[in-house]
Amino acid sequence: MLDNLIRVLEAHSMNIVVKISDNGNQHEQALRFTAISKHFNEFIGGFVMLSDSEEARQEVLKFCRKVSCPIIFMDVRPFDKEYFYPTEMYPADDP
């Protein structure tokens, strides 16, 4: 999935930065969110693959509110119900 995403974005002359956690643990993912949010003005949007949606909810909320750009969740919905999403967050399969 990631290879296809990179290929499509590069075909449209868009640069992509990939940050992958070595072991997928929640703490490391939170650290990556923090590091990226410090440079959010360098990005026009993001694609996120969560390691664990249950544990990630608060970190996802903080991250999305800090970056204020579109974030697409690729494999896991961080929230069960649509009304839990802040207005600036949209799951990938919603219109």
PDB file of N, CA and C in Angstrom:
ATOM      1  N   MET A   1       0.829  -1.184   0.000  1.00  0.00           N
ATOM      2  CA  MET A   1       0.000   0.000   0.000  1.00  0.00           C
ATOM      3  C   MET A   1       0.881   1.258   0.000  1.00  0.00           C
ATOM      4  N   LEU A   2       1.908   1.266   0.823  1.00  0.00           N
ATOM      5  CA  LEU A   2       2.772   2.437   0.907  1.00  0.00           C
ATOM      6  C   LEU A   2       3.520   2.671  -0.401  1.00  0.00           C
ATOM      7  N   ASP A   3       3.976   1.603  -1.031  1.00  0.00           N
ATOM      8  CA  ASP A   3       4.661   1.740  -2.322  1.00  0.00           C
ATOM      9  C   ASP A   3       3.761   2.386  -3.361  1.00  0.00           C
ATOM     10  N   ASN A   4       2.508   1.966  -3.415  1.00  0.00           N
ATOM     11  CA  ASN A   4       1.565   2.547  -4.380  1.00  0.00           C
ATOM     12  C   ASN A   4       1.299   4.018  -4.081  1.00  0.00           C
ATOM     13  N   LEU A   5       1.153   4.360  -2.822  1.00  0.00           N
ATOM     14  CA  LEU A   5       0.923   5.746  -2.428  1.00  0.00           C
ATOM     15  C   LEU A   5       2.102   6.625  -2.860  1.00  0.00           C
ATOM     16  N   ILE A   6       3.308   6.176  -2.575  1.00  0.00           N
ATOM     17  CA  ILE A   6       4.503   6.929  -2.963  1.00  0.00           C
ATOM     18  C   ILE A   6       4.572   7.098  -4.471  1.00  0.00           C
ATOM     19  N   ARG A   7       4.316   6.038  -5.197  1.00  0.00           N
ATOM     20  CA  ARG A   7       4.362   6.083  -6.663  1.00  0.00           C
ATOM     21  C   ARG A   7       3.363   7.096  -7.226  1.00  0.00           C
ATOM     22  N   VAL A   8       2.145   7.103  -6.711  1.00  0.00           N
ATOM     23  CA  VAL A   8       1.113   8.023  -7.199  1.00  0.00           C
ATOM     24  C   VAL A   8       1.481   9.470  -6.878  1.00  0.00           C
ATOM     25  N   LEU A   9       1.924   9.725  -5.658  1.00  0.00           N
ATOM     26  CA  LEU A   9       2.282  11.092  -5.290  1.00  0.00           C
ATOM     27  C   LEU A   9       3.469  11.595  -6.100  1.00  0.00           C
ATOM     28  N   GLU A  10       4.471  10.759  -6.290  1.00  0.00           N
ATOM     29  CA  GLU A  10       5.624  11.163  -7.086  1.00  0.00           C
ATOM     30  C   GLU A  10       5.253  11.384  -8.548  1.00  0.00           C
ATOM     31  N   ALA A  11       4.304  10.628  -9.062  1.00  0.00           N
ATOM     32  CA  ALA A  11       3.840  10.819 -10.439  1.00  0.00           C
ATOM     33  C   ALA A  11       3.178  12.178 -10.617  1.00  0.00           C
ATOM     34  N   HIS A  12       2.691  12.752  -9.519  1.00  0.00           N
ATOM     35  CA  HIS A  12       2.066  14.069  -9.545  1.00  0.00           C
ATOM     36  C   HIS A  12       3.007  15.149  -9.003  1.00  0.00           C
ATOM     37  N   SER A  13       4.298  14.844  -9.031  1.00  0.00           N
ATOM     38  CA  SER A  13       5.357  15.781  -8.606  1.00  0.00           C
ATOM     39  C   SER A  13       5.189  16.259  -7.169  1.00  0.00           C
ATOM     40  N   MET A  14       4.714  15.383  -6.312  1.00  0.00           N
ATOM     41  CA  MET A  14       4.576  15.720  -4.892  1.00  0.00           C
ATOM     42  C   MET A  14       5.657  14.974  -4.119  1.00  0.00           C
ATOM     43  N   ASN A  15       6.305  15.689  -3.222  1.00  0.00           N
ATOM     44  CA  ASN A  15       7.299  15.066  -2.354  1.00  0.00           C
ATOM     45  C   ASN A  15       6.591  14.383  -1.202  1.00  0.00           C
ATOM     46  N   ILE A  16       7.181  13.303  -0.724  1.00  0.00           N
ATOM     47  CA  ILE A  16       6.597  12.580   0.404  1.00  0.00           C
ATOM     48  C   ILE A  16       7.696  12.292   1.421  1.00  0.00           C
ATOM     49  N   VAL A  17       7.360  12.474   2.678  1.00  0.00           N
ATOM     50  CA  VAL A  17       8.256  12.142   3.780  1.00  0.00           C
ATOM     51  C   VAL A  17       7.628  10.963   4.501  1.00  0.00           C
ATOM     52  N   VAL A  18       8.392   9.899   4.676  1.00  0.00           N
ATOM     53  CA  VAL A  18       7.887   8.703   5.342  1.00  0.00           C
ATOM     54  C   VAL A  18       8.583   8.551   6.682  1.00  0.00           C
ATOM     55  N   LYS A  19       7.800   8.451   7.741  1.00  0.00           N
ATOM     56  CA  LYS A  19       8.309   8.222   9.094  1.00  0.00           C
ATOM     57  C   LYS A  19       7.711   6.902   9.567  1.00  0.00           C
ATOM     58  N   ILE A  20       8.562   5.917   9.794  1.00  0.00           N
ATOM     59  CA  ILE A  20       8.085   4.600  10.197  1.00  0.00           C
ATOM     60  C   ILE A  20       8.656   4.257  11.562  1.00  0.00           C
ATOM     61  N   SER A  21       7.778   3.847  12.461  1.00  0.00           N
ATOM     62  CA  SER A  21       8.221   3.396  13.789  1.00  0.00           C
ATOM     63  C   SER A  21       8.799   1.993  13.653  1.00  0.00           C
ATOM     64  N   ASP A  22       9.913   1.764  14.314  1.00  0.00           N
ATOM     65  CA  ASP A  22      10.563   0.455  14.231  1.00  0.00           C
ATOM     66  C   ASP A  22       9.707  -0.668  14.779  1.00  0.00           C
ATOM     67  N   ASN A  23       9.125  -0.453  15.932  1.00  0.00           N
ATOM     68  CA  ASN A  23       8.368  -1.530  16.554  1.00  0.00           C
ATOM     69  C   ASN A  23       6.874  -1.238  16.674  1.00  0.00           C
ATOM     70  N   GLY A  24       6.427  -0.094  16.193  1.00  0.00           N
ATOM     71  CA  GLY A  24       5.009   0.225  16.195  1.00  0.00           C
ATOM     72  C   GLY A  24       4.405   0.480  17.554  1.00  0.00           C
ATOM     73  N   ASN A  25       5.234   0.787  18.563  1.00  0.00           N
ATOM     74  CA  ASN A  25       4.624   1.011  19.871  1.00  0.00           C
ATOM     75  C   ASN A  25       4.049   2.411  19.976  1.00  0.00           C
ATOM     76  N   GLN A  26       3.121   2.572  20.893  1.00  0.00           N
ATOM     77  CA  GLN A  26       2.363   3.815  21.025  1.00  0.00           C
ATOM     78  C   GLN A  26       3.242   4.993  21.419  1.00  0.00           C
ATOM     79  N   HIS A  27       4.196   4.774  22.305  1.00  0.00           N
ATOM     80  CA  HIS A  27       5.066   5.868  22.747  1.00  0.00           C
ATOM     81  C   HIS A  27       5.896   6.412  21.585  1.00  0.00           C
ATOM     82  N   GLU A  28       6.444   5.526  20.802  1.00  0.00           N
ATOM     83  CA  GLU A  28       7.244   5.959  19.654  1.00  0.00           C
ATOM     84  C   GLU A  28       6.387   6.711  18.637  1.00  0.00           C
ATOM     85  N   GLN A  29       5.173   6.252  18.433  1.00  0.00           N
ATOM     86  CA  GLN A  29       4.258   6.938  17.511  1.00  0.00           C
ATOM     87  C   GLN A  29       3.940   8.340  18.030  1.00  0.00           C
ATOM     88  N   ALA A  30       3.731   8.489  19.324  1.00  0.00           N
ATOM     89  CA  ALA A  30       3.458   9.801  19.918  1.00  0.00           C
ATOM     90  C   ALA A  30       4.652  10.734  19.735  1.00  0.00           C
ATOM     91  N   LEU A  31       5.863  10.205  19.889  1.00  0.00           N
ATOM     92  CA  LEU A  31       7.063  11.013  19.669  1.00  0.00           C
ATOM     93  C   LEU A  31       7.157  11.484  18.220  1.00  0.00           C
ATOM     94  N   ARG A  32       6.795  10.619  17.287  1.00  0.00           N
ATOM     95  CA  ARG A  32       6.805  11.005  15.862  1.00  0.00           C
ATOM     96  C   ARG A  32       5.768  12.099  15.595  1.00  0.00           C
ATOM     97  N   PHE A  33       4.581  11.956  16.164  1.00  0.00           N
ATOM     98  CA  PHE A  33       3.553  12.999  16.010  1.00  0.00           C
ATOM     99  C   PHE A  33       4.078  14.340  16.514  1.00  0.00           C
ATOM    100  N   THR A  34       4.720  14.328  17.667  1.00  0.00           N
ATOM    101  CA  THR A  34       5.253  15.564  18.250  1.00  0.00           C
ATOM    102  C   THR A  34       6.315  16.173  17.348  1.00  0.00           C
ATOM    103  N   ALA A  35       7.236  15.361  16.858  1.00  0.00           N
ATOM    104  CA  ALA A  35       8.302  15.861  15.988  1.00  0.00           C
ATOM    105  C   ALA A  35       7.744  16.442  14.688  1.00  0.00           C
ATOM    106  N   ILE A  36       6.789  15.776  14.105  1.00  0.00           N
ATOM    107  CA  ILE A  36       6.192  16.253  12.856  1.00  0.00           C
ATOM    108  C   ILE A  36       5.404  17.535  13.092  1.00  0.00           C
ATOM    109  N   SER A  37       4.678  17.614  14.203  1.00  0.00           N
ATOM    110  CA  SER A  37       3.847  18.795  14.453  1.00  0.00           C
ATOM    111  C   SER A  37       4.684  20.059  14.630  1.00  0.00           C
ATOM    112  N   LYS A  38       5.949  19.920  14.975  1.00  0.00           N
ATOM    113  CA  LYS A  38       6.828  21.081  15.102  1.00  0.00           C
ATOM    114  C   LYS A  38       7.178  21.679  13.740  1.00  0.00           C
ATOM    115  N   HIS A  39       6.990  20.890  12.674  1.00  0.00           N
ATOM    116  CA  HIS A  39       7.317  21.339  11.318  1.00  0.00           C
ATOM    117  C   HIS A  39       6.102  21.263  10.394  1.00  0.00           C
ATOM    118  N   PHE A  40       4.898  21.358  10.976  1.00  0.00           N
ATOM    119  CA  PHE A  40       3.689  21.136  10.185  1.00  0.00           C
ATOM    120  C   PHE A  40       3.537  22.111   9.028  1.00  0.00           C
ATOM    121  N   ASN A  41       4.114  23.289   9.140  1.00  0.00           N
ATOM    122  CA  ASN A  41       3.970  24.268   8.055  1.00  0.00           C
ATOM    123  C   ASN A  41       4.731  23.855   6.803  1.00  0.00           C
ATOM    124  N   GLU A  42       5.530  22.794   6.879  1.00  0.00           N
ATOM    125  CA  GLU A  42       6.263  22.281   5.720  1.00  0.00           C
ATOM    126  C   GLU A  42       5.441  21.251   4.949  1.00  0.00           C
ATOM    127  N   PHE A  43       4.253  20.888   5.466  1.00  0.00           N
ATOM    128  CA  PHE A  43       3.436  19.838   4.863  1.00  0.00           C
ATOM    129  C   PHE A  43       2.071  20.379   4.452  1.00  0.00           C
ATOM    130  N   ILE A  44       1.490  19.781   3.407  1.00  0.00           N
ATOM    131  CA  ILE A  44       0.144  20.166   2.996  1.00  0.00           C
ATOM    132  C   ILE A  44      -0.895  19.160   3.472  1.00  0.00           C
ATOM    133  N   GLY A  45      -0.445  18.042   4.009  1.00  0.00           N
ATOM    134  CA  GLY A  45      -1.350  17.013   4.491  1.00  0.00           C
ATOM    135  C   GLY A  45      -0.565  15.798   4.917  1.00  0.00           C
ATOM    136  N   GLY A  46      -1.291  14.769   5.359  1.00  0.00           N
ATOM    137  CA  GLY A  46      -0.607  13.571   5.805  1.00  0.00           C
ATOM    138  C   GLY A  46      -1.455  12.327   5.693  1.00  0.00           C
ATOM    139  N   PHE A  47      -0.760  11.213   5.599  1.00  0.00           N
ATOM    140  CA  PHE A  47      -1.371   9.887   5.603  1.00  0.00           C
ATOM    141  C   PHE A  47      -0.840   9.186   6.844  1.00  0.00           C
ATOM    142  N   VAL A  48      -1.735   8.687   7.685  1.00  0.00           N
ATOM    143  CA  VAL A  48      -1.324   8.089   8.948  1.00  0.00           C
ATOM    144  C   VAL A  48      -1.795   6.644   9.009  1.00  0.00           C
ATOM    145  N   MET A  49      -0.877   5.768   9.419  1.00  0.00           N
ATOM    146  CA  MET A  49      -1.202   4.375   9.724  1.00  0.00           C
ATOM    147  C   MET A  49      -0.948   4.200  11.213  1.00  0.00           C
ATOM    148  N   LEU A  50      -2.004   4.019  11.974  1.00  0.00           N
ATOM    149  CA  LEU A  50      -1.900   3.939  13.431  1.00  0.00           C
ATOM    150  C   LEU A  50      -1.464   2.556  13.886  1.00  0.00           C
ATOM    151  N   SER A  51      -0.671   2.530  14.961  1.00  0.00           N
ATOM    152  CA  SER A  51      -0.264   1.239  15.517  1.00  0.00           C
ATOM    153  C   SER A  51      -1.388   0.633  16.358  1.00  0.00           C
ATOM    154  N   ASP A  52      -2.195   1.465  17.020  1.00  0.00           N
ATOM    155  CA  ASP A  52      -3.303   0.980  17.843  1.00  0.00           C
ATOM    156  C   ASP A  52      -4.289   2.119  18.027  1.00  0.00           C
ATOM    157  N   SER A  53      -5.456   2.007  17.433  1.00  0.00           N
ATOM    158  CA  SER A  53      -6.400   3.127  17.467  1.00  0.00           C
ATOM    159  C   SER A  53      -6.944   3.406  18.861  1.00  0.00           C
ATOM    160  N   GLU A  54      -7.151   2.387  19.682  1.00  0.00           N
ATOM    161  CA  GLU A  54      -7.687   2.607  21.037  1.00  0.00           C
ATOM    162  C   GLU A  54      -6.753   3.483  21.854  1.00  0.00           C
ATOM    163  N   GLU A  55      -5.492   3.133  21.876  1.00  0.00           N
ATOM    164  CA  GLU A  55      -4.519   3.875  22.675  1.00  0.00           C
ATOM    165  C   GLU A  55      -4.143   5.203  22.034  1.00  0.00           C
ATOM    166  N   ALA A  56      -4.322   5.337  20.740  1.00  0.00           N
ATOM    167  CA  ALA A  56      -3.844   6.511  20.011  1.00  0.00           C
ATOM    168  C   ALA A  56      -4.821   7.680  20.005  1.00  0.00           C
ATOM    169  N   ARG A  57      -6.020   7.514  20.455  1.00  0.00           N
ATOM    170  CA  ARG A  57      -7.053   8.542  20.285  1.00  0.00           C
ATOM    171  C   ARG A  57      -6.627   9.926  20.760  1.00  0.00           C
ATOM    172  N   GLN A  58      -6.137  10.035  21.965  1.00  0.00           N
ATOM    173  CA  GLN A  58      -5.764  11.357  22.483  1.00  0.00           C
ATOM    174  C   GLN A  58      -4.585  11.942  21.721  1.00  0.00           C
ATOM    175  N   GLU A  59      -3.608  11.111  21.364  1.00  0.00           N
ATOM    176  CA  GLU A  59      -2.458  11.590  20.588  1.00  0.00           C
ATOM    177  C   GLU A  59      -2.893  12.041  19.194  1.00  0.00           C
ATOM    178  N   VAL A  60      -3.825  11.305  18.598  1.00  0.00           N
ATOM    179  CA  VAL A  60      -4.342  11.669  17.276  1.00  0.00           C
ATOM    180  C   VAL A  60      -5.046  13.020  17.348  1.00  0.00           C
ATOM    181  N   LEU A  61      -5.871  13.215  18.359  1.00  0.00           N
ATOM    182  CA  LEU A  61      -6.573  14.489  18.514  1.00  0.00           C
ATOM    183  C   LEU A  61      -5.591  15.646  18.671  1.00  0.00           C
ATOM    184  N   LYS A  62      -4.613  15.491  19.556  1.00  0.00           N
ATOM    185  CA  LYS A  62      -3.628  16.553  19.768  1.00  0.00           C
ATOM    186  C   LYS A  62      -2.855  16.841  18.477  1.00  0.00           C
ATOM    187  N   PHE A  63      -2.429  15.799  17.796  1.00  0.00           N
ATOM    188  CA  PHE A  63      -1.662  15.961  16.566  1.00  0.00           C
ATOM    189  C   PHE A  63      -2.464  16.697  15.493  1.00  0.00           C
ATOM    190  N   CYS A  64      -3.675  16.249  15.237  1.00  0.00           N
ATOM    191  CA  CYS A  64      -4.490  16.849  14.172  1.00  0.00           C
ATOM    192  C   CYS A  64      -4.854  18.297  14.474  1.00  0.00           C
ATOM    193  N   ARG A  65      -5.055  18.617  15.725  1.00  0.00           N
ATOM    194  CA  ARG A  65      -5.364  20.007  16.085  1.00  0.00           C
ATOM    195  C   ARG A  65      -4.142  20.904  15.945  1.00  0.00           C
ATOM    196  N   LYS A  66      -2.956  20.369  16.184  1.00  0.00           N
ATOM    197  CA  LYS A  66      -1.734  21.159  16.048  1.00  0.00           C
ATOM    198  C   LYS A  66      -1.397  21.427  14.589  1.00  0.00           C
ATOM    199  N   VAL A  67      -1.533  20.424  13.739  1.00  0.00           N
ATOM    200  CA  VAL A  67      -1.078  20.579  12.355  1.00  0.00           C
ATOM    201  C   VAL A  67      -2.065  21.317  11.470  1.00  0.00           C
ATOM    202  N   SER A  68      -3.325  21.252  11.754  1.00  0.00           N
ATOM    203  CA  SER A  68      -4.345  21.974  10.984  1.00  0.00           C
ATOM    204  C   SER A  68      -4.228  21.775   9.480  1.00  0.00           C
ATOM    205  N   CYS A  69      -3.963  20.554   9.067  1.00  0.00           N
ATOM    206  CA  CYS A  69      -3.966  20.218   7.643  1.00  0.00           C
ATOM    207  C   CYS A  69      -4.659  18.865   7.500  1.00  0.00           C
ATOM    208  N   PRO A  70      -5.086  18.525   6.304  1.00  0.00           N
ATOM    209  CA  PRO A  70      -5.814  17.263   6.127  1.00  0.00           C
ATOM    210  C   PRO A  70      -4.964  16.044   6.512  1.00  0.00           C
ATOM    211  N   ILE A  71      -5.552  15.145   7.280  1.00  0.00           N
ATOM    212  CA  ILE A  71      -4.916  13.898   7.680  1.00  0.00           C
ATOM    213  C   ILE A  71      -5.834  12.765   7.248  1.00  0.00           C
ATOM    214  N   ILE A  72      -5.277  11.806   6.531  1.00  0.00           N
ATOM    215  CA  ILE A  72      -6.051  10.654   6.065  1.00  0.00           C
ATOM    216  C   ILE A  72      -5.546   9.421   6.804  1.00  0.00           C
ATOM    217  N   PHE A  73      -6.457   8.701   7.443  1.00  0.00           N
ATOM    218  CA  PHE A  73      -6.107   7.486   8.167  1.00  0.00           C
ATOM    219  C   PHE A  73      -6.230   6.308   7.211  1.00  0.00           C
ATOM    220  N   MET A  74      -5.119   5.622   6.994  1.00  0.00           N
ATOM    221  CA  MET A  74      -5.025   4.617   5.941  1.00  0.00           C
ATOM    222  C   MET A  74      -5.600   3.249   6.289  1.00  0.00           C
ATOM    223  N   ASP A  75      -5.367   2.767   7.473  1.00  0.00           N
ATOM    224  CA  ASP A  75      -5.736   1.384   7.743  1.00  0.00           C
ATOM    225  C   ASP A  75      -6.641   1.189   8.953  1.00  0.00           C
ATOM    226  N   VAL A  76      -6.605   2.108   9.896  1.00  0.00           N
ATOM    227  CA  VAL A  76      -7.397   1.976  11.117  1.00  0.00           C
ATOM    228  C   VAL A  76      -8.117   3.288  11.384  1.00  0.00           C
ATOM    229  N   ARG A  77      -9.395   3.197  11.652  1.00  0.00           N
ATOM    230  CA  ARG A  77     -10.144   4.395  12.055  1.00  0.00           C
ATOM    231  C   ARG A  77      -9.865   4.646  13.532  1.00  0.00           C
ATOM    232  N   PRO A  78      -9.425   5.842  13.891  1.00  0.00           N
ATOM    233  CA  PRO A  78      -9.139   6.090  15.300  1.00  0.00           C
ATOM    234  C   PRO A  78     -10.397   6.223  16.161  1.00  0.00           C
ATOM    235  N   PHE A  79     -11.555   6.427  15.544  1.00  0.00           N
ATOM    236  CA  PHE A  79     -12.800   6.590  16.297  1.00  0.00           C
ATOM    237  C   PHE A  79     -13.888   5.731  15.670  1.00  0.00           C
ATOM    238  N   ASP A  80     -14.741   5.160  16.526  1.00  0.00           N
ATOM    239  CA  ASP A  80     -15.809   4.273  16.056  1.00  0.00           C
ATOM    240  C   ASP A  80     -16.952   5.023  15.385  1.00  0.00           C
ATOM    241  N   LYS A  81     -17.303   6.164  15.923  1.00  0.00           N
ATOM    242  CA  LYS A  81     -18.450   6.931  15.431  1.00  0.00           C
ATOM    243  C   LYS A  81     -17.990   8.228  14.795  1.00  0.00           C
ATOM    244  N   GLU A  82     -18.665   8.634  13.747  1.00  0.00           N
ATOM    245  CA  GLU A  82     -18.303   9.847  13.015  1.00  0.00           C
ATOM    246  C   GLU A  82     -18.321  11.090  13.893  1.00  0.00           C
ATOM    247  N   TYR A  83     -19.258  11.176  14.835  1.00  0.00           N
ATOM    248  CA  TYR A  83     -19.378  12.387  15.647  1.00  0.00           C
ATOM    249  C   TYR A  83     -18.216  12.566  16.628  1.00  0.00           C
ATOM    250  N   PHE A  84     -17.360  11.538  16.814  1.00  0.00           N
ATOM    251  CA  PHE A  84     -16.181  11.693  17.659  1.00  0.00           C
ATOM    252  C   PHE A  84     -15.054  12.447  16.949  1.00  0.00           C
ATOM    253  N   TYR A  85     -15.110  12.523  15.623  1.00  0.00           N
ATOM    254  CA  TYR A  85     -14.056  13.196  14.867  1.00  0.00           C
ATOM    255  C   TYR A  85     -14.188  14.709  15.013  1.00  0.00           C
ATOM    256  N   PRO A  86     -13.070  15.384  15.307  1.00  0.00           N
ATOM    257  CA  PRO A  86     -13.112  16.852  15.247  1.00  0.00           C
ATOM    258  C   PRO A  86     -13.400  17.271  13.818  1.00  0.00           C
ATOM    259  N   THR A  87     -13.856  18.469  13.598  1.00  0.00           N
ATOM    260  CA  THR A  87     -14.231  18.902  12.254  1.00  0.00           C
ATOM    261  C   THR A  87     -13.060  18.881  11.292  1.00  0.00           C
ATOM    262  N   GLU A  88     -11.827  18.963  11.793  1.00  0.00           N
ATOM    263  CA  GLU A  88     -10.678  18.964  10.898  1.00  0.00           C
ATOM    264  C   GLU A  88     -10.176  17.557  10.574  1.00  0.00           C
ATOM    265  N   MET A  89     -10.854  16.519  11.039  1.00  0.00           N
ATOM    266  CA  MET A  89     -10.425  15.128  10.799  1.00  0.00           C
ATOM    267  C   MET A  89     -11.482  14.370  10.009  1.00  0.00           C
ATOM    268  N   TYR A  90     -11.030  13.609   9.015  1.00  0.00           N
ATOM    269  CA  TYR A  90     -11.948  12.832   8.200  1.00  0.00           C
ATOM    270  C   TYR A  90     -11.345  11.460   7.917  1.00  0.00           C
ATOM    271  N   PRO A  91     -12.072  10.356   8.148  1.00  0.00           N
ATOM    272  CA  PRO A  91     -11.574   9.042   7.771  1.00  0.00           C
ATOM    273  C   PRO A  91     -11.467   8.940   6.250  1.00  0.00           C
ATOM    274  N   ALA A  92     -10.567   8.111   5.753  1.00  0.00           N
ATOM    275  CA  ALA A  92     -10.283   8.019   4.314  1.00  0.00           C
ATOM    276  C   ALA A  92     -11.492   7.591   3.488  1.00  0.00           C
ATOM    277  N   ASP A  93     -12.412   6.785   4.016  1.00  0.00           N
ATOM    278  CA  ASP A  93     -13.510   6.289   3.199  1.00  0.00           C
ATOM    279  C   ASP A  93     -14.759   7.172   3.265  1.00  0.00           C
ATOM    280  N   ASP A  94     -14.690   8.309   3.922  1.00  0.00           N
ATOM    281  CA  ASP A  94     -15.834   9.219   3.945  1.00  0.00           C
ATOM    282  C   ASP A  94     -15.708  10.217   2.793  1.00  0.00           C
ATOM    283  N   PRO A  95     -16.848  10.677   2.259  1.00  0.00           N
ATOM    284  CA  PRO A  95     -16.775  11.632   1.131  1.00  0.00           C
ATOM    285  C   PRO A  95     -16.274  12.991   1.554  1.00  0.00           C
TER     286      PRO A  95
END
